[in-house]
Amino acid sequence: MRVRTFSPDDIAFAAQLARLEGWNNTATDYENLLRFEPQGCFIAEEAGAPVGIITTITYGKLGWIGSLIVGSAHRGRGFGRALLEIAMGYLFDRGVRTIGLDATPPAASLYASVGFWRAFDTLHLWREPLPVPSPVADSLVPLEARDLHAVTMFDWAPFGGRRRRVLQALRQISPVAYLAQDQAGLGGYLMARRSERCWIIGPWVCVRSAEPLLTAALAAIGPQPLWIGVPEVNKEALQLLQKHGFTLCQRRMRMYYGDEEGIGQPQRIYAVASPEKG
């Protein structure tokens, strides 16, 4: 077994692994992950051939682990644990105090065995290509590059870390992106982008105007299949999404290692960016 850093030549392998798992990650996602953390993404090899991957992102004191995948023929032989320990070591060397991740149920025991604890569940919801609702009127404006500083500061406390570079990259690939902006200030934002098989809504963070942001996005996207990941503790989000035709398709566990400060305020998170980015 050998673990080395991820390179641009590994992007096709990573995207293929994700596709075999039924995940929404695309080659563009892995290009961005590699750009975010070029020394923090890793490949496990056996006899010179890649068999598994893991990615990390640093958000100041919060670090994130994503895309831990080992090919099905190589599972149960320690590749996953080796990748996880190297990724954690990298994050702690960067000064991280809290590490977060979204665990699939089969992988949760691996994370628990090294000290991760369960904070809440993240529910993955799906919407078939249904008719779209009429937008709920509100003070919405397109989210532009000039808004990124304000959005980053608004997002910091709910998410638990400062993620401007990730928000900037997501805005560039999100043709649907809105701010709820009125005299009281910034009330929320939402981004949505395409993957190979559906649209993905997220991140979506609010203190108000959640339904106007959602209905504006649905109207812009049209009758297309949609995926969204929502913290189960945000009951308002779940009720709103059920009202607009979303149904549960998968459950994951949001787990953390280290200080509780990085948990943020999940009741204000209406949609995660993605499991590999937080």
Protein backbone atom coordinates (compact mmCIF):
# COMPACT_ATOMS: atom_id res chain seq x y z
CA MET A 1 0.00 0.00 0.00
CA ARG A 2 1.16 3.51 -0.85
CA VAL A 3 -0.58 6.84 -0.22
CA ARG A 4 0.48 9.85 -2.28
CA THR A 5 -0.90 13.29 -3.06
CA PHE A 6 -3.62 13.66 -5.65
CA SER A 7 -2.59 15.06 -9.05
CA PRO A 8 -4.53 16.38 -12.07
CA ASP A 9 -3.97 12.99 -13.71
CA ASP A 10 -6.15 11.40 -10.99
CA ILE A 11 -9.26 13.48 -11.69
CA ALA A 12 -10.79 10.98 -14.13
CA PHE A 13 -10.21 8.12 -11.67
CA ALA A 14 -11.82 10.09 -8.83
CA ALA A 15 -14.86 11.02 -10.93
CA GLN A 16 -15.25 7.39 -12.00
CA LEU A 17 -15.17 6.18 -8.38
CA ALA A 18 -17.80 8.75 -7.42
CA ARG A 19 -19.98 7.74 -10.36
CA LEU A 20 -19.80 4.06 -9.33
CA GLU A 21 -20.96 5.09 -5.84
CA GLY A 22 -23.92 6.96 -7.33
CA TRP A 23 -22.63 10.33 -6.09
CA ASN A 24 -23.11 13.64 -7.87
CA ASN A 25 -19.42 14.61 -7.96
CA THR A 26 -18.11 15.58 -11.38
CA ALA A 27 -14.63 16.02 -12.80
CA THR A 28 -15.08 19.78 -12.29
CA ASP A 29 -15.73 19.17 -8.58
CA TYR A 30 -12.43 17.32 -8.27
CA GLU A 31 -10.59 19.99 -10.24
CA ASN A 32 -11.86 22.53 -7.71
CA LEU A 33 -11.03 20.33 -4.72
CA LEU A 34 -7.51 19.94 -6.01
CA ARG A 35 -7.24 23.69 -6.52
CA PHE A 36 -8.57 24.41 -3.02
CA GLU A 37 -6.12 22.05 -1.31
CA PRO A 38 -3.40 20.79 -3.70
CA GLN A 39 -1.40 19.14 -0.92
CA GLY A 40 -4.45 17.90 1.01
CA CYS A 41 -6.02 15.42 -1.42
CA PHE A 42 -4.65 11.88 -1.50
CA ILE A 43 -4.67 8.66 -3.52
CA ALA A 44 -4.11 5.15 -2.18
CA GLU A 45 -2.29 2.79 -4.52
CA GLU A 46 -1.64 -0.92 -4.69
CA ALA A 47 1.02 -2.22 -7.06
CA GLY A 48 1.17 1.22 -8.67
CA ALA A 49 -2.56 1.36 -9.46
CA PRO A 50 -4.96 3.79 -7.73
CA VAL A 51 -7.57 2.12 -5.51
CA GLY A 52 -8.96 4.91 -3.31
CA ILE A 53 -9.19 8.66 -2.74
CA ILE A 54 -9.80 11.25 -0.02
CA THR A 55 -10.05 15.05 -0.15
CA THR A 56 -9.74 17.84 2.41
CA ILE A 57 -10.48 21.56 2.59
CA THR A 58 -9.36 24.02 5.27
CA TYR A 59 -11.71 26.77 6.44
CA GLY A 60 -9.49 28.39 9.05
CA LYS A 61 -9.92 26.47 12.31
CA LEU A 62 -12.44 24.16 10.62
CA GLY A 63 -11.24 21.41 8.30
CA TRP A 64 -13.38 19.25 6.07
CA ILE A 65 -12.92 15.69 4.82
CA GLY A 66 -14.76 14.43 1.78
CA SER A 67 -14.84 11.83 -0.97
CA LEU A 68 -13.32 8.99 1.02
CA ILE A 69 -13.90 6.20 -1.48
CA VAL A 70 -12.09 2.88 -1.86
CA GLY A 71 -12.86 0.72 -4.88
CA SER A 72 -15.20 -2.14 -3.99
CA ALA A 73 -12.59 -4.82 -4.78
CA HIS A 74 -10.15 -3.35 -2.25
CA ARG A 75 -12.36 -2.69 0.77
CA GLY A 76 -11.77 -4.20 4.19
CA ARG A 77 -7.99 -4.10 3.83
CA GLY A 78 -7.11 -0.85 5.61
CA PHE A 79 -6.98 1.53 2.66
CA GLY A 80 -9.79 3.69 4.05
CA ARG A 81 -8.24 4.02 7.50
CA ALA A 82 -4.83 4.86 6.03
CA LEU A 83 -6.32 7.59 3.86
CA LEU A 84 -8.35 8.98 6.77
CA GLU A 85 -5.37 9.15 9.14
CA ILE A 86 -3.20 10.91 6.56
CA ALA A 87 -5.97 13.42 5.78
CA MET A 88 -6.50 14.15 9.49
CA GLY A 89 -2.78 14.62 10.00
CA TYR A 90 -2.64 17.06 7.11
CA LEU A 91 -5.50 19.13 8.54
CA PHE A 92 -4.03 19.29 12.04
CA ASP A 93 -0.69 20.33 10.58
CA ARG A 94 -2.56 23.26 8.97
CA GLY A 95 -3.80 24.44 12.38
CA VAL A 96 -7.33 23.02 12.20
CA ARG A 97 -9.09 22.51 15.56
CA THR A 98 -12.30 20.89 14.32
CA ILE A 99 -12.72 18.38 11.48
CA GLY A 100 -16.13 17.77 9.93
CA LEU A 101 -17.48 15.29 7.42
CA ASP A 102 -20.69 13.73 6.14
CA ALA A 103 -20.58 9.97 6.66
CA THR A 104 -22.55 7.33 4.83
CA PRO A 105 -24.00 4.82 7.32
CA PRO A 106 -21.55 2.01 6.34
CA ALA A 107 -18.55 4.33 6.93
CA ALA A 108 -19.72 5.84 10.23
CA SER A 109 -18.09 3.11 12.34
CA LEU A 110 -14.70 3.84 10.77
CA TYR A 111 -14.96 7.52 11.67
CA ALA A 112 -16.23 6.74 15.17
CA SER A 113 -13.29 4.40 15.75
CA VAL A 114 -10.83 7.30 15.41
CA GLY A 115 -12.82 9.71 17.58
CA PHE A 116 -15.45 11.37 15.37
CA TRP A 117 -18.81 11.96 17.05
CA ARG A 118 -22.25 12.35 15.52
CA ALA A 119 -23.69 15.88 15.60
CA PHE A 120 -26.84 15.48 13.49
CA ASP A 121 -28.07 13.75 10.36
CA THR A 122 -28.05 15.30 6.90
CA LEU A 123 -31.02 14.25 4.80
CA HIS A 124 -30.61 13.97 1.05
CA LEU A 125 -33.83 14.89 -0.73
CA TRP A 126 -34.89 14.43 -4.34
CA ARG A 127 -37.43 16.25 -6.50
CA GLU A 128 -38.65 14.75 -9.74
CA PRO A 129 -39.13 17.05 -12.77
CA LEU A 130 -42.40 18.45 -11.42
CA PRO A 131 -44.19 21.63 -12.47
CA VAL A 132 -42.59 24.64 -10.82
CA PRO A 133 -44.42 26.93 -8.38
CA SER A 134 -44.97 30.64 -8.93
CA PRO A 135 -42.17 32.59 -7.23
CA VAL A 136 -43.03 34.07 -3.85
CA ALA A 137 -42.49 37.84 -4.08
CA ASP A 138 -39.57 39.24 -2.09
CA SER A 139 -36.54 41.51 -2.40
CA LEU A 140 -34.27 39.14 -4.30
CA VAL A 141 -31.31 40.12 -6.46
CA PRO A 142 -28.80 38.03 -8.44
CA LEU A 143 -25.74 37.03 -6.42
CA GLU A 144 -22.77 38.72 -8.10
CA ALA A 145 -19.02 38.49 -7.55
CA ARG A 146 -19.07 41.83 -5.73
CA ASP A 147 -21.39 40.29 -3.10
CA LEU A 148 -18.97 37.55 -2.05
CA HIS A 149 -17.46 39.39 0.90
CA ALA A 150 -20.89 40.12 2.41
CA VAL A 151 -22.06 36.56 1.72
CA THR A 152 -18.91 35.11 3.30
CA MET A 153 -19.38 37.13 6.47
CA PHE A 154 -23.10 36.25 6.61
CA ASP A 155 -22.32 32.56 6.06
CA TRP A 156 -19.45 32.29 8.58
CA ALA A 157 -21.40 31.70 11.80
CA PRO A 158 -24.02 29.31 10.35
CA PHE A 159 -21.42 27.21 8.53
CA GLY A 160 -18.77 27.33 11.26
CA GLY A 161 -15.87 28.56 9.13
CA ARG A 162 -14.86 31.16 6.57
CA ARG A 163 -15.29 29.62 3.10
CA ARG A 164 -14.95 32.50 0.65
CA ARG A 165 -12.79 30.63 -1.87
CA VAL A 166 -15.30 27.77 -2.02
CA LEU A 167 -18.25 30.15 -2.34
CA GLN A 168 -16.43 31.98 -5.11
CA ALA A 169 -15.81 28.76 -7.03
CA LEU A 170 -19.40 27.61 -6.54
CA ARG A 171 -20.80 30.94 -7.76
CA GLN A 172 -18.79 30.56 -10.98
CA ILE A 173 -20.48 27.22 -11.74
CA SER A 174 -23.94 28.13 -10.39
CA PRO A 175 -26.08 29.74 -13.10
CA VAL A 176 -28.84 30.14 -10.50
CA ALA A 177 -27.76 32.30 -7.54
CA TYR A 178 -29.79 34.79 -5.50
CA LEU A 179 -29.53 37.07 -2.48
CA ALA A 180 -32.41 38.10 -0.24
CA GLN A 181 -31.53 41.74 0.34
CA ASP A 182 -33.77 44.40 1.89
CA GLN A 183 -33.64 47.39 4.23
CA ALA A 184 -32.87 45.07 7.15
CA GLY A 185 -29.79 43.77 5.33
CA LEU A 186 -28.83 40.38 3.96
CA GLY A 187 -31.43 37.78 4.87
CA GLY A 188 -30.13 34.79 2.96
CA TYR A 189 -28.60 33.41 -0.22
CA LEU A 190 -28.97 30.36 -2.45
CA MET A 191 -26.92 28.82 -5.26
CA ALA A 192 -27.84 26.01 -7.66
CA ARG A 193 -25.76 24.21 -10.26
CA ARG A 194 -25.96 21.29 -12.67
CA SER A 195 -24.38 17.87 -12.18
CA GLU A 196 -24.34 15.02 -14.68
CA ARG A 197 -27.74 13.67 -13.62
CA CYS A 198 -29.57 16.51 -11.87
CA TRP A 199 -29.50 20.04 -10.48
CA ILE A 200 -27.98 20.56 -7.04
CA ILE A 201 -29.30 23.25 -4.71
CA GLY A 202 -26.72 24.44 -2.19
CA PRO A 203 -25.37 26.17 -0.36
CA TRP A 204 -28.56 27.83 0.87
CA VAL A 205 -28.33 29.78 4.14
CA CYS A 206 -31.09 31.96 5.60
CA VAL A 207 -32.33 33.93 8.54
CA ARG A 208 -35.45 34.90 6.53
CA SER A 209 -36.84 34.74 2.96
CA ALA A 210 -36.27 30.99 2.63
CA GLU A 211 -39.35 30.30 0.51
CA PRO A 212 -38.81 33.23 -1.88
CA LEU A 213 -35.25 32.02 -2.50
CA LEU A 214 -36.41 28.45 -3.13
CA THR A 215 -39.31 29.33 -5.43
CA ALA A 216 -37.14 31.72 -7.43
CA ALA A 217 -34.59 28.92 -7.90
CA LEU A 218 -37.25 26.38 -8.89
CA ALA A 219 -38.71 28.82 -11.42
CA ALA A 220 -35.26 29.48 -12.91
CA ILE A 221 -34.35 25.79 -13.11
CA GLY A 222 -37.68 24.63 -14.50
CA PRO A 223 -39.05 21.05 -14.38
CA GLN A 224 -35.70 19.33 -13.89
CA PRO A 225 -34.63 16.65 -11.37
CA LEU A 226 -33.19 18.22 -8.20
CA TRP A 227 -31.02 17.08 -5.28
CA ILE A 228 -30.51 18.82 -1.96
CA GLY A 229 -28.83 17.96 1.36
CA VAL A 230 -30.45 19.41 4.50
CA PRO A 231 -29.51 19.22 8.21
CA GLU A 232 -32.31 17.27 9.90
CA VAL A 233 -32.30 19.80 12.76
CA ASN A 234 -33.64 22.46 10.36
CA LYS A 235 -37.31 21.49 10.59
CA GLU A 236 -38.46 24.62 8.76
CA ALA A 237 -36.34 23.68 5.75
CA LEU A 238 -37.68 20.14 5.69
CA GLN A 239 -41.30 21.31 5.89
CA LEU A 240 -40.71 23.82 3.11
CA LEU A 241 -39.06 21.27 0.84
CA GLN A 242 -41.78 18.69 1.46
CA LYS A 243 -44.35 21.34 0.51
CA HIS A 244 -42.55 21.80 -2.82
CA GLY A 245 -42.33 18.13 -3.76
CA PHE A 246 -38.99 16.94 -2.32
CA THR A 247 -38.80 13.44 -0.85
CA LEU A 248 -36.16 11.64 1.21
CA CYS A 249 -33.71 9.48 -0.76
CA GLN A 250 -30.73 9.03 1.61
CA ARG A 251 -29.55 9.78 5.11
CA ARG A 252 -26.00 10.70 6.15
CA MET A 253 -24.41 11.53 9.49
CA ARG A 254 -22.63 14.82 10.02
CA MET A 255 -19.73 13.97 12.30
CA TYR A 256 -17.00 16.05 13.94
CA TYR A 257 -13.66 15.56 15.59
CA GLY A 258 -12.28 18.13 18.03
CA ASP A 259 -13.81 21.38 19.26
CA GLU A 260 -17.56 21.91 19.03
CA GLU A 261 -17.05 25.45 17.71
CA GLY A 262 -16.94 24.20 14.13
CA ILE A 263 -20.50 22.88 14.22
CA GLY A 264 -21.88 26.32 13.42
CA GLN A 265 -25.63 26.93 13.39
CA PRO A 266 -27.18 24.11 11.34
CA GLN A 267 -30.71 25.41 11.97
CA ARG A 268 -29.83 28.24 9.55
CA ILE A 269 -28.45 25.87 6.90
CA TYR A 270 -31.23 25.08 4.44
CA ALA A 271 -28.90 23.23 2.07
CA VAL A 272 -25.32 22.07 2.37
CA ALA A 273 -22.89 22.89 -0.43
CA SER A 274 -22.13 19.20 -0.93
CA PRO A 275 -20.96 16.27 1.23
CA GLU A 276 -17.33 16.76 0.19
CA LYS A 277 -17.30 20.53 0.83
CA GLY A 278 -19.58 20.88 3.83
